[in-house]
């Protein structure tokens, strides 16, 4: 496998899991527990959706202020950069919250990433649009990209785009559902990406 680019999910992958309280956000927005937030917001009338997006963005920015780099994240990113691997971020978050979170990293910044694809510019995962957009911006075929994430949407989006996928499982809880595509790799630490690429 000739991987030339690595695309990282952000929350819970490059950052430690748990900074953003999705359950509390759902309660504040009136989103049913079994629905995902962005998809729920799409079903709301325009005026209500605008107000709810403001709440979501405020919550994300607060979470970004307390977020921390995930274990091995900086070592992984720096190691890939040294090998000449093109790097990107693909997240369902806003660009503002990503930038705020990256301020907490010591040795890497947004400038270390060739592309940062957020919900502001692409259909959110599990839609493959962001993976395909990142591949185009990186000048790579999706098959040359490894998408690393901690949730089923990362694997679904990556597989639908024709990318290779690595599922980061840190707490042992299954995140995939029956019928989901299988990730190419299951890893417990980000530094394992250095063994794959």
Protein backbone atom coordinates (compact mmCIF):
# COMPACT_ATOMS: atom_id res chain seq x y z
CA UNK A 1 0.00 0.00 0.00
CA UNK A 2 1.53 3.26 -1.15
CA UNK A 3 0.07 5.94 1.13
CA UNK A 4 1.05 9.50 0.18
CA UNK A 5 -1.40 11.43 2.36
CA UNK A 6 -2.95 11.09 5.82
CA UNK A 7 -6.24 12.73 6.65
CA UNK A 8 -7.04 13.03 10.36
CA UNK A 9 -10.36 13.42 12.07
CA UNK A 10 -10.05 16.09 14.76
CA UNK A 11 -12.12 15.68 17.96
CA UNK A 12 -11.19 12.47 19.74
CA UNK A 13 -8.45 11.71 17.20
CA UNK A 14 -5.90 14.53 17.18
CA UNK A 15 -7.41 15.84 20.43
CA UNK A 16 -8.23 13.85 23.56
CA UNK A 17 -11.77 12.47 23.61
CA UNK A 18 -14.32 14.09 25.89
CA UNK A 19 -13.68 17.83 25.53
CA UNK A 20 -16.99 18.32 23.76
CA UNK A 21 -20.11 17.09 25.58
CA UNK A 22 -22.36 15.96 22.74
CA UNK A 23 -25.10 14.81 25.12
CA UNK A 24 -25.36 18.24 26.77
CA UNK A 25 -25.41 19.94 23.36
CA UNK A 26 -28.20 17.63 22.18
CA UNK A 27 -30.25 18.45 25.26
CA UNK A 28 -29.76 22.20 24.76
CA UNK A 29 -30.74 21.97 21.09
CA UNK A 30 -33.67 19.60 21.65
CA UNK A 31 -31.95 16.97 19.49
CA UNK A 32 -33.14 13.39 20.16
CA UNK A 33 -30.48 11.23 21.81
CA UNK A 34 -30.39 8.77 18.89
CA UNK A 35 -29.85 11.45 16.22
CA UNK A 36 -26.62 13.19 15.23
CA UNK A 37 -26.51 16.95 15.75
CA UNK A 38 -25.72 18.24 12.25
CA UNK A 39 -28.26 15.94 10.62
CA UNK A 40 -30.90 17.01 13.16
CA UNK A 41 -30.19 20.70 12.48
CA UNK A 42 -30.74 20.11 8.75
CA UNK A 43 -34.36 19.15 9.53
CA UNK A 44 -35.10 22.41 11.38
CA UNK A 45 -36.75 25.52 9.91
CA UNK A 46 -34.16 28.05 8.67
CA UNK A 47 -34.59 30.64 11.45
CA UNK A 48 -34.44 28.02 14.21
CA UNK A 49 -31.47 26.31 12.54
CA UNK A 50 -29.54 29.61 12.50
CA UNK A 51 -30.09 30.06 16.24
CA UNK A 52 -29.17 26.46 16.98
CA UNK A 53 -25.98 26.69 14.90
CA UNK A 54 -24.91 29.66 17.03
CA UNK A 55 -25.39 27.56 20.17
CA UNK A 56 -23.43 24.68 18.63
CA UNK A 57 -20.57 26.98 17.60
CA UNK A 58 -20.39 28.55 21.08
CA UNK A 59 -20.27 25.09 22.66
CA UNK A 60 -17.56 23.95 20.23
CA UNK A 61 -15.45 27.02 20.96
CA UNK A 62 -15.75 26.46 24.73
CA UNK A 63 -14.73 22.81 24.23
CA UNK A 64 -11.77 23.95 22.12
CA UNK A 65 -10.54 26.07 25.03
CA UNK A 66 -10.28 23.01 27.29
CA UNK A 67 -9.20 20.50 24.66
CA UNK A 68 -5.77 18.88 24.76
CA UNK A 69 -3.64 17.07 22.20
CA UNK A 70 -4.29 13.34 22.12
CA UNK A 71 -1.50 11.03 23.27
CA UNK A 72 1.06 10.64 20.50
CA UNK A 73 -0.68 13.13 18.18
CA UNK A 74 2.25 15.51 17.83
CA UNK A 75 4.81 12.71 17.48
CA UNK A 76 2.65 11.07 14.80
CA UNK A 77 2.15 14.29 12.81
CA UNK A 78 5.80 15.29 13.01
CA UNK A 79 6.94 11.78 12.05
CA UNK A 80 4.69 11.78 8.98
CA UNK A 81 5.88 15.25 7.98
CA UNK A 82 9.50 14.12 8.18
CA UNK A 83 8.65 11.34 5.70
CA UNK A 84 7.15 13.83 3.26
CA UNK A 85 3.58 12.61 3.77
CA UNK A 86 0.92 15.19 2.87
CA UNK A 87 -1.33 15.89 5.88
CA UNK A 88 -4.91 17.06 6.24
CA UNK A 89 -7.73 17.43 8.75
CA UNK A 90 -11.32 16.39 8.02
CA UNK A 91 -13.83 17.34 10.71
CA UNK A 92 -17.52 17.95 11.29
CA UNK A 93 -16.48 20.97 13.39
CA UNK A 94 -16.08 24.63 12.46
CA UNK A 95 -12.73 26.04 11.37
CA UNK A 96 -12.75 28.47 14.33
CA UNK A 97 -12.88 25.65 16.88
CA UNK A 98 -10.15 23.68 15.07
CA UNK A 99 -7.82 26.71 15.12
CA UNK A 100 -8.50 27.28 18.84
CA UNK A 101 -7.79 23.64 19.66
CA UNK A 102 -4.58 23.60 17.64
CA UNK A 103 -3.31 26.52 19.76
CA UNK A 104 -3.00 23.93 22.59
CA UNK A 105 -0.43 21.91 20.64
CA UNK A 106 3.26 22.56 21.31
CA UNK A 107 5.01 21.41 18.16
CA UNK A 108 2.37 21.54 15.43
CA UNK A 109 0.02 24.21 14.06
CA UNK A 110 -2.57 24.58 11.32
CA UNK A 111 0.31 25.37 8.93
CA UNK A 112 1.49 21.74 9.21
CA UNK A 113 -1.63 20.61 7.37
CA UNK A 114 -1.92 20.89 3.61
CA UNK A 115 -5.69 21.10 3.86
CA UNK A 116 -8.31 21.54 6.61
CA UNK A 117 -11.79 20.47 5.53
CA UNK A 118 -14.58 21.53 7.92
CA UNK A 119 -18.37 21.52 7.72
CA UNK A 120 -18.08 25.12 6.48
CA UNK A 121 -16.79 23.94 3.09
CA UNK A 122 -18.00 20.37 2.66
CA UNK A 123 -20.84 17.95 3.30
CA UNK A 124 -20.06 16.47 6.74
CA UNK A 125 -18.96 12.86 7.24
CA UNK A 126 -20.28 10.19 6.67
CA UNK A 127 -20.68 11.87 3.26
CA UNK A 128 -17.46 11.19 1.28
CA UNK A 129 -17.42 14.77 -0.12
CA UNK A 130 -14.78 15.99 2.34
CA UNK A 131 -12.44 13.08 1.61
CA UNK A 132 -12.75 13.66 -2.14
CA UNK A 133 -12.22 17.40 -1.72
CA UNK A 134 -9.13 16.80 0.43
CA UNK A 135 -7.75 14.35 -2.13
CA UNK A 136 -8.20 16.92 -4.90
CA UNK A 137 -6.53 19.66 -2.85
CA UNK A 138 -3.65 17.34 -1.94
CA UNK A 139 -3.27 16.29 -5.60
CA UNK A 140 -3.71 12.62 -4.68
CA UNK A 141 -5.96 9.77 -5.66
CA UNK A 142 -8.23 8.86 -2.69
CA UNK A 143 -6.68 5.37 -2.81
CA UNK A 144 -3.35 6.95 -1.77
CA UNK A 145 -4.92 8.49 1.35
CA UNK A 146 -5.24 6.99 4.83
CA UNK A 147 -8.16 8.44 6.81
CA UNK A 148 -7.61 8.14 10.57
CA UNK A 149 -10.60 8.64 12.87
CA UNK A 150 -12.27 7.45 16.05
CA UNK A 151 -15.87 7.05 14.85
CA UNK A 152 -17.85 5.03 12.33
CA UNK A 153 -18.51 8.12 10.18
CA UNK A 154 -14.77 8.36 9.48
CA UNK A 155 -14.64 4.79 8.18
CA UNK A 156 -17.87 5.14 6.18
CA UNK A 157 -16.72 8.39 4.52
CA UNK A 158 -13.25 7.07 3.81
CA UNK A 159 -14.47 3.80 2.32
CA UNK A 160 -17.13 5.54 0.19
CA UNK A 161 -14.40 7.79 -1.26
CA UNK A 162 -12.06 4.87 -1.97
CA UNK A 163 -9.54 5.77 0.74
CA UNK A 164 -7.77 3.46 3.18
CA UNK A 165 -9.06 3.78 6.76
CA UNK A 166 -7.69 3.37 10.28
CA UNK A 167 -10.09 3.32 13.23
CA UNK A 168 -8.60 4.66 16.47
CA UNK A 169 -10.12 2.75 19.41
CA UNK A 170 -8.91 4.12 22.73
CA UNK A 171 -11.53 2.95 25.21
CA UNK A 172 -12.46 -0.42 23.75
CA UNK A 173 -16.08 0.55 23.09
CA UNK A 174 -17.37 -0.54 19.69
CA UNK A 175 -18.33 2.41 17.49
CA UNK A 176 -19.13 0.49 14.31
CA UNK A 177 -22.60 -0.85 13.59
CA UNK A 178 -23.82 -3.94 11.77
CA UNK A 179 -23.56 -3.35 8.04
CA UNK A 180 -20.83 -0.69 8.31
CA UNK A 181 -17.74 -1.18 6.16
CA UNK A 182 -14.74 -2.68 7.94
CA UNK A 183 -11.78 -0.35 8.60
CA UNK A 184 -8.52 -1.43 6.99
CA UNK A 185 -6.75 -1.02 10.33
CA UNK A 186 -7.79 -0.80 13.97
CA UNK A 187 -5.28 1.05 16.15
CA UNK A 188 -5.06 1.85 19.86
CA UNK A 189 -2.50 4.68 19.60
CA UNK A 190 -1.88 7.35 16.97
CA UNK A 191 1.79 6.44 16.75
CA UNK A 192 0.73 3.14 15.15
CA UNK A 193 -0.03 5.21 12.02
CA UNK A 194 3.75 5.51 11.59
CA UNK A 195 3.91 1.71 11.22
CA UNK A 196 1.14 1.68 8.59
CA UNK A 197 2.41 4.44 6.32
